[in-house]
Amino acid sequence: MPPQQSSSTTTTTSSSKLTFTKKNQNMTKLPTYAKVHKRPIPHPAPPTPYTGPSTPKTIYVSTSTPKMSVVTRVRKLLRQAEKRATAALHNNASSHKHRGRAGAGTGAGSQAELLAKVQEALRREEVHVKATGRAIGKAVAVGEYFRRPPTETEGYRVEVRTGGVMVVDDVEVDEEAKQRVLEQAEVWRREVESGVEEGSGRVLSKAAIKKRRSRLRKMGVVDGQGKEDEKVGDVEEEEEQEEGEGTGEAEEAEEEELPESRTRWVNMVDVVIGLKG
């Protein structure tokens, strides 16, 4: 199954003006001991030059794909598309030649209509050069090449569309790293409660204690003291509320298991290349 895609309606003419919509604001946050393995993006089989206009002509580009290799494939696909579009025109001309001059008047009008259909068919036959991530620059370079071909006289239509594609990452827990994180968290918890750094016996400053508490909260672990006592009265009540909220986060983190996979969006560019009708 092809990955879910989205594309913007705006188009660009230069790689320096590409804009993408940010869609990863609500990604699942993972702890430091979780490893993420990126799955390759599934693609359909590459098209052959001889497939009909109903089959999409899409070339997927990676960072290691040579630019001129893509250029050659695009040319071949468009050349065969042009042959298919003009074949009907040649066949129609041959049939009128055998009929003689009796149908010449009718044939002229028919020939003009057929020529318009051929031009429309050429406009529909497009090649899509797609890339994601760091390979986007490679796809845009292919489009720039066809926008200003160095040696050929025929013109090309080039349109650059930006969008995104949803991909899946596998999540794996590193048990050894998890154990190290939990052990370090326990050390920080004891240091916050005692106010003394283990090993050196140095008395911790308020800034050092605050830093350790911040790390513990990010890990879903809360010490038994709450925030440091900078003020009294109303501040102490506020600190107790914050401590209670943090404890709830810790309990939720303990109950909730890490997902086996997660989805995210990556930037994608679609360079559409076609012959000018």
Protein backbone atom coordinates (compact mmCIF):
# COMPACT_ATOMS: atom_id res chain seq x y z
CA MET A 1 0.00 0.00 0.00
CA PRO A 2 1.46 3.39 -0.95
CA PRO A 3 2.11 5.78 1.92
CA GLN A 4 -0.37 8.53 2.71
CA GLN A 5 0.54 11.75 0.96
CA SER A 6 -0.52 15.36 0.98
CA SER A 7 0.49 18.17 -1.33
CA SER A 8 0.08 21.90 -1.27
CA THR A 9 -1.68 23.78 -4.03
CA THR A 10 1.03 26.39 -4.26
CA THR A 11 3.84 25.84 -6.72
CA THR A 12 7.37 27.15 -6.82
CA THR A 13 9.86 27.85 -9.55
CA SER A 14 13.09 27.78 -7.54
CA SER A 15 14.56 25.45 -4.95
CA SER A 16 15.26 28.43 -2.68
CA LYS A 17 11.53 29.21 -2.43
CA LEU A 18 10.26 25.80 -1.33
CA THR A 19 7.83 25.96 1.58
CA PHE A 20 6.44 23.06 3.61
CA THR A 21 3.65 22.76 6.14
CA LYS A 22 4.74 21.56 9.59
CA LYS A 23 2.69 18.52 10.60
CA ASN A 24 4.69 16.87 13.38
CA GLN A 25 3.55 19.02 16.30
CA ASN A 26 1.77 16.14 18.08
CA MET A 27 4.35 13.39 17.69
CA THR A 28 4.60 10.77 20.43
CA LYS A 29 7.41 11.75 22.79
CA LEU A 30 9.85 8.94 23.45
CA PRO A 31 12.29 8.52 26.35
CA THR A 32 16.01 8.63 25.77
CA TYR A 33 16.34 4.85 26.03
CA ALA A 34 14.02 4.25 23.06
CA LYS A 35 15.61 3.58 19.69
CA VAL A 36 13.84 4.59 16.49
CA HIS A 37 14.32 2.56 13.32
CA LYS A 38 13.12 4.27 10.15
CA ARG A 39 11.26 2.03 7.73
CA PRO A 40 11.93 2.54 4.03
CA ILE A 41 9.12 4.34 2.22
CA PRO A 42 7.23 1.82 0.03
CA HIS A 43 7.10 2.67 -3.66
CA PRO A 44 5.28 1.01 -6.56
CA ALA A 45 7.27 -0.69 -9.30
CA PRO A 46 9.04 1.79 -11.60
CA PRO A 47 7.16 2.51 -14.85
CA THR A 48 8.36 1.35 -18.25
CA PRO A 49 8.41 3.77 -21.19
CA TYR A 50 5.83 1.66 -23.04
CA THR A 51 3.00 1.84 -20.51
CA GLY A 52 -0.06 3.81 -21.53
CA PRO A 53 -1.09 7.28 -20.37
CA SER A 54 -3.34 5.80 -17.66
CA THR A 55 -0.27 4.57 -15.75
CA PRO A 56 1.44 7.27 -13.64
CA LYS A 57 5.06 7.88 -14.64
CA THR A 58 6.84 8.41 -11.32
CA ILE A 59 10.58 8.34 -10.65
CA TYR A 60 11.71 8.28 -7.00
CA VAL A 61 15.04 9.95 -6.30
CA SER A 62 17.40 9.28 -3.40
CA THR A 63 20.52 11.12 -2.30
CA SER A 64 22.70 8.62 -4.17
CA THR A 65 20.78 8.76 -7.47
CA PRO A 66 22.85 10.41 -10.24
CA LYS A 67 21.08 13.46 -11.66
CA MET A 68 21.82 12.64 -15.30
CA SER A 69 20.48 9.12 -14.81
CA VAL A 70 17.13 10.63 -13.83
CA VAL A 71 17.32 13.06 -16.76
CA THR A 72 17.82 10.16 -19.18
CA ARG A 73 14.84 8.25 -17.77
CA VAL A 74 12.60 11.31 -17.98
CA ARG A 75 13.60 11.91 -21.60
CA LYS A 76 12.88 8.32 -22.53
CA LEU A 77 9.46 8.36 -20.89
CA LEU A 78 8.50 11.63 -22.59
CA ARG A 79 9.83 10.45 -25.95
CA GLN A 80 7.62 7.37 -25.86
CA ALA A 81 4.68 9.49 -24.73
CA GLU A 82 5.19 11.73 -27.74
CA LYS A 83 5.30 8.72 -30.05
CA ARG A 84 2.03 7.41 -28.65
CA ALA A 85 0.35 10.78 -29.00
CA THR A 86 1.48 11.34 -32.60
CA ALA A 87 0.84 7.78 -33.79
CA ALA A 88 -2.88 8.48 -34.26
CA LEU A 89 -2.04 11.62 -36.25
CA HIS A 90 0.17 9.70 -38.67
CA ASN A 91 -2.39 6.93 -39.05
CA ASN A 92 -5.11 9.46 -39.84
CA ALA A 93 -2.93 11.15 -42.48
CA SER A 94 -2.23 7.81 -44.16
CA SER A 95 -5.92 6.90 -44.29
CA HIS A 96 -6.83 10.23 -45.95
CA LYS A 97 -4.06 9.77 -48.50
CA HIS A 98 -5.57 6.46 -49.64
CA ARG A 99 -9.08 7.92 -49.86
CA GLY A 100 -8.04 10.50 -52.45
CA ARG A 101 -9.00 14.10 -52.93
CA ALA A 102 -12.71 13.47 -52.61
CA GLY A 103 -12.54 13.70 -48.84
CA ALA A 104 -9.80 16.31 -48.65
CA GLY A 105 -12.08 19.10 -47.37
CA THR A 106 -13.51 16.98 -44.60
CA GLY A 107 -10.07 15.59 -43.84
CA ALA A 108 -8.57 19.04 -43.20
CA GLY A 109 -11.05 19.74 -40.43
CA SER A 110 -10.64 16.28 -39.04
CA GLN A 111 -6.87 16.68 -39.10
CA ALA A 112 -7.07 19.92 -37.09
CA GLU A 113 -9.30 18.30 -34.49
CA LEU A 114 -6.96 15.35 -34.24
CA LEU A 115 -3.98 17.68 -33.85
CA ALA A 116 -5.73 19.39 -30.94
CA LYS A 117 -6.34 15.99 -29.34
CA VAL A 118 -2.67 15.09 -29.78
CA GLN A 119 -1.59 18.29 -28.05
CA GLU A 120 -4.00 17.61 -25.21
CA ALA A 121 -2.65 14.06 -24.88
CA LEU A 122 0.89 15.43 -24.67
CA ARG A 123 -0.13 17.79 -21.90
CA ARG A 124 -1.61 14.90 -19.91
CA GLU A 125 1.48 12.69 -20.24
CA GLU A 126 3.71 13.92 -17.44
CA VAL A 127 6.62 12.48 -15.52
CA HIS A 128 6.72 12.98 -11.75
CA VAL A 129 10.15 13.11 -10.09
CA LYS A 130 9.60 12.70 -6.35
CA ALA A 131 11.99 12.95 -3.42
CA THR A 132 11.88 13.32 0.36
CA GLY A 133 14.22 14.74 2.97
CA ARG A 134 17.79 15.37 1.88
CA ALA A 135 17.08 14.14 -1.65
CA ILE A 136 14.73 17.05 -2.34
CA GLY A 137 17.57 19.14 -3.74
CA LYS A 138 18.39 16.37 -6.25
CA ALA A 139 14.83 16.29 -7.60
CA VAL A 140 14.69 20.08 -7.86
CA ALA A 141 18.00 20.04 -9.76
CA VAL A 142 16.44 17.69 -12.32
CA GLY A 143 13.57 20.11 -12.77
CA GLU A 144 15.96 23.02 -13.24
CA TYR A 145 17.79 21.04 -15.90
CA PHE A 146 14.62 20.56 -17.94
CA ARG A 147 13.52 24.14 -17.41
CA ARG A 148 16.67 25.29 -19.22
CA PRO A 149 17.91 22.33 -21.31
CA PRO A 150 21.48 23.03 -22.46
CA THR A 151 21.39 21.37 -25.90
CA GLU A 152 17.82 20.51 -26.86
CA THR A 153 15.46 22.82 -28.73
CA GLU A 154 12.14 21.34 -27.58
CA GLY A 155 10.50 23.02 -24.63
CA TYR A 156 9.45 21.42 -21.37
CA ARG A 157 6.89 22.32 -18.76
CA VAL A 158 8.27 22.12 -15.25
CA GLU A 159 6.22 22.52 -12.09
CA VAL A 160 7.45 22.00 -8.53
CA ARG A 161 4.92 20.97 -5.90
CA THR A 162 5.63 20.66 -2.20
CA GLY A 163 3.87 18.37 0.21
CA GLY A 164 4.39 15.63 2.74
CA VAL A 165 4.27 11.86 3.04
CA MET A 166 3.41 9.87 6.16
CA VAL A 167 6.03 7.32 7.18
CA VAL A 168 6.23 4.73 9.96
CA ASP A 169 9.08 4.33 12.44
CA ASP A 170 9.61 1.23 14.57
CA VAL A 171 10.25 1.89 18.27
CA GLU A 172 12.55 -0.42 20.23
CA VAL A 173 13.44 -0.20 23.92
CA ASP A 174 17.12 -0.51 24.83
CA GLU A 175 16.84 -2.33 28.16
CA GLU A 176 20.43 -1.59 29.19
CA ALA A 177 20.02 2.12 28.46
CA LYS A 178 16.69 2.10 30.29
CA GLN A 179 18.30 0.57 33.37
CA ARG A 180 21.07 3.20 33.30
CA VAL A 181 18.49 5.98 33.03
CA LEU A 182 16.49 4.62 35.96
CA GLU A 183 19.62 4.24 38.09
CA GLN A 184 20.68 7.80 37.32
CA ALA A 185 17.19 9.05 38.12
CA GLU A 186 17.35 7.34 41.51
CA VAL A 187 20.69 9.03 42.23
CA TRP A 188 19.25 12.44 41.34
CA ARG A 189 16.20 11.77 43.49
CA ARG A 190 18.35 11.01 46.55
CA GLU A 191 20.54 14.05 45.89
CA VAL A 192 17.51 16.33 45.67
CA GLU A 193 16.12 14.96 48.95
CA SER A 194 19.45 15.21 50.80
CA GLY A 195 20.84 18.31 49.08
CA VAL A 196 24.24 16.61 48.86
CA GLU A 197 25.97 15.27 45.76
CA GLU A 198 26.74 11.57 46.09
CA GLY A 199 30.37 10.60 45.78
CA SER A 200 31.86 14.05 46.45
CA GLY A 201 29.73 15.02 49.45
CA ARG A 202 29.45 18.55 48.06
CA VAL A 203 26.42 20.56 49.14
CA LEU A 204 24.27 21.29 46.10
CA SER A 205 23.26 24.82 45.25
CA LYS A 206 19.64 25.77 44.60
CA ALA A 207 20.40 25.94 40.87
CA ALA A 208 21.85 22.41 40.89
CA ILE A 209 18.83 21.06 42.77
CA LYS A 210 16.47 22.85 40.41
CA LYS A 211 18.29 21.36 37.42
CA ARG A 212 17.99 17.85 38.83
CA ARG A 213 14.28 18.32 39.54
CA SER A 214 13.75 19.53 35.98
CA ARG A 215 15.47 16.42 34.61
CA LEU A 216 13.42 14.15 36.87
CA ARG A 217 10.16 15.71 35.71
CA LYS A 218 11.14 15.31 32.05
CA MET A 219 11.78 11.64 32.77
CA GLY A 220 8.41 11.28 34.50
CA VAL A 221 10.03 10.93 37.92
CA VAL A 222 9.26 13.28 40.83
CA ASP A 223 11.17 13.64 44.07
CA GLY A 224 9.42 13.69 47.40
CA GLN A 225 10.21 17.31 48.18
CA GLY A 226 8.50 19.19 45.33
CA LYS A 227 10.19 22.41 44.17
CA GLU A 228 12.86 24.09 46.25
CA ASP A 229 11.58 26.28 49.09
CA GLU A 230 12.36 29.73 47.72
CA LYS A 231 9.40 31.34 49.47
CA VAL A 232 6.85 30.39 52.09
CA GLY A 233 3.10 30.68 52.47
CA ASP A 234 1.23 30.70 49.16
CA VAL A 235 4.30 29.49 47.30
CA GLU A 236 4.43 26.30 49.38
CA GLU A 237 0.82 25.53 48.48
CA GLU A 238 1.60 26.08 44.79
CA GLU A 239 4.60 23.77 45.04
CA GLU A 240 2.47 21.01 46.56
CA GLN A 241 0.06 21.29 43.62
CA GLU A 242 2.93 21.05 41.14
CA GLU A 243 4.28 18.03 43.00
CA GLY A 244 0.91 16.31 42.78
CA GLU A 245 0.68 16.98 39.04
CA GLY A 246 4.16 15.58 38.51
CA THR A 247 3.35 12.44 40.48
CA GLY A 248 0.37 11.81 38.22
CA GLU A 249 2.64 12.07 35.18
CA ALA A 250 5.01 9.56 36.71
CA GLU A 251 2.22 7.08 37.41
CA GLU A 252 0.91 7.51 33.88
CA ALA A 253 4.39 6.91 32.47
CA GLU A 254 4.68 3.69 34.47
CA GLU A 255 1.30 2.39 33.30
CA GLU A 256 1.60 3.39 29.65
CA GLU A 257 3.74 1.15 27.48
CA LEU A 258 5.81 2.50 24.65
CA PRO A 259 4.24 2.07 21.21
CA GLU A 260 5.82 -0.45 18.87
CA SER A 261 5.74 2.13 16.09
CA ARG A 262 4.84 5.73 15.46
CA THR A 263 3.97 7.78 12.40
CA ARG A 264 5.39 11.08 11.27
CA TRP A 265 5.35 13.33 8.23
CA VAL A 266 8.40 14.01 6.08
CA ASN A 267 8.72 16.76 3.52
CA MET A 268 8.23 15.70 -0.09
CA VAL A 269 8.71 17.44 -3.41
CA ASP A 270 7.01 16.45 -6.67
CA VAL A 271 8.69 17.83 -9.80
CA VAL A 272 6.24 17.49 -12.70
CA ILE A 273 7.86 17.49 -16.16
CA GLY A 274 6.02 17.41 -19.47
CA LEU A 275 6.35 18.47 -23.09
CA LYS A 276 4.91 21.80 -24.14
CA GLY A 277 1.89 21.21 -26.34
